[in-house]
């Protein structure tokens, strides 16, 4: 899904993700990754390192040579963006799918 012509979709980023995607593409996981893919590249990288790869904030900070506070700030901004993009229950699914214990 993430490799499918997203250029046109980025022009409509103000719309909720579920409205942008075609119904046949709307599996819950596809919707989650579609929204995550709309994050700015470095923010998405930090989000995936922490939530998908399970890295600790300190590991991410050291790997990317940034401060732990920058990691926290970028994650907070990522979650705010995703909360706005994903409709109610989809944000809850995101949180359950990418459980993080830190």
Protein backbone atom coordinates (compact mmCIF):
# COMPACT_ATOMS: atom_id res chain seq x y z
CA UNK A 1 0.00 0.00 0.00
CA UNK A 2 2.66 2.53 0.93
CA UNK A 3 4.28 2.33 -2.47
CA UNK A 4 1.05 2.95 -4.42
CA UNK A 5 0.86 6.42 -6.07
CA UNK A 6 0.76 8.51 -2.92
CA UNK A 7 1.68 11.76 -4.69
CA UNK A 8 -1.96 12.56 -5.38
CA UNK A 9 -2.92 11.68 -1.84
CA UNK A 10 -0.39 14.07 -0.32
CA UNK A 11 -2.17 16.92 -2.08
CA UNK A 12 -5.24 16.11 0.03
CA UNK A 13 -3.58 15.64 3.42
CA UNK A 14 -6.16 17.76 5.19
CA UNK A 15 -8.76 15.01 4.78
CA UNK A 16 -9.15 12.11 7.24
CA UNK A 17 -7.18 9.10 6.04
CA UNK A 18 -10.24 6.87 5.68
CA UNK A 19 -11.80 9.38 3.27
CA UNK A 20 -8.69 9.46 1.08
CA UNK A 21 -8.22 5.72 0.70
CA UNK A 22 -10.40 3.57 -1.52
CA UNK A 23 -12.72 1.24 0.40
CA UNK A 24 -11.01 -1.90 -0.93
CA UNK A 25 -7.72 -0.65 0.55
CA UNK A 26 -9.11 0.09 3.99
CA UNK A 27 -7.89 -2.78 6.07
CA UNK A 28 -7.10 -1.42 9.50
CA UNK A 29 -3.37 -2.05 9.19
CA UNK A 30 -3.29 -0.39 5.76
CA UNK A 31 -5.00 2.68 7.18
CA UNK A 32 -2.52 2.83 10.07
CA UNK A 33 0.53 2.56 7.83
CA UNK A 34 -0.97 4.99 5.34
CA UNK A 35 -1.30 7.59 8.11
CA UNK A 36 2.18 6.85 9.47
CA UNK A 37 3.60 7.28 5.98
CA UNK A 38 2.26 10.86 5.97
CA UNK A 39 4.55 11.82 8.86
CA UNK A 40 7.64 13.85 7.89
CA UNK A 41 10.52 11.41 7.15
CA UNK A 42 12.61 11.97 10.29
CA UNK A 43 9.56 11.99 12.54
CA UNK A 44 8.35 8.77 10.91
CA UNK A 45 11.81 7.23 11.39
CA UNK A 46 11.77 8.04 15.12
CA UNK A 47 8.19 6.78 15.46
CA UNK A 48 9.03 3.47 13.77
CA UNK A 49 12.26 2.98 15.71
CA UNK A 50 10.43 3.38 19.01
CA UNK A 51 7.05 1.80 18.32
CA UNK A 52 7.72 -0.76 15.57
CA UNK A 53 11.28 -1.77 16.43
CA UNK A 54 10.88 -1.42 20.20
CA UNK A 55 13.98 0.69 20.72
CA UNK A 56 14.38 2.73 23.88
CA UNK A 57 14.37 6.50 23.63
CA UNK A 58 18.04 6.57 24.61
CA UNK A 59 18.96 4.08 21.85
CA UNK A 60 17.14 6.16 19.25
CA UNK A 61 18.76 9.36 20.48
CA UNK A 62 22.23 7.83 20.35
CA UNK A 63 21.68 6.23 16.95
CA UNK A 64 20.37 9.46 15.40
CA UNK A 65 22.71 11.70 17.42
CA UNK A 66 19.86 13.76 18.86
CA UNK A 67 18.73 14.41 22.43
CA UNK A 68 16.24 12.23 24.28
CA UNK A 69 14.03 15.31 24.57
CA UNK A 70 14.01 15.58 20.77
CA UNK A 71 12.90 11.95 20.57
CA UNK A 72 10.09 12.64 23.05
CA UNK A 73 9.03 15.81 21.25
CA UNK A 74 8.96 14.11 17.85
CA UNK A 75 6.95 11.19 19.23
CA UNK A 76 4.49 13.57 20.85
CA UNK A 77 4.05 15.43 17.57
CA UNK A 78 3.67 12.13 15.71
CA UNK A 79 0.91 10.97 18.03
CA UNK A 80 -0.87 14.34 17.80
CA UNK A 81 -0.75 14.19 14.00
CA UNK A 82 -1.97 10.58 13.93
CA UNK A 83 -4.75 11.32 16.42
CA UNK A 84 -5.98 14.08 14.10
CA UNK A 85 -5.67 11.96 10.95
CA UNK A 86 -7.17 8.74 12.25
CA UNK A 87 -10.79 8.56 13.20
CA UNK A 88 -11.59 7.65 16.85
CA UNK A 89 -11.36 3.87 16.92
CA UNK A 90 -8.48 3.78 14.43
CA UNK A 91 -6.26 5.80 16.77
CA UNK A 92 -7.06 3.32 19.54
CA UNK A 93 -6.10 0.47 17.20
CA UNK A 94 -2.85 2.30 16.44
CA UNK A 95 -2.05 2.50 20.14
CA UNK A 96 -2.82 -1.18 20.64
CA UNK A 97 -0.93 -2.28 17.53
CA UNK A 98 2.18 -0.31 18.45
CA UNK A 99 2.22 -0.91 22.19
CA UNK A 100 5.27 0.61 23.81
CA UNK A 101 6.50 -0.15 27.26
CA UNK A 102 9.02 2.43 28.42
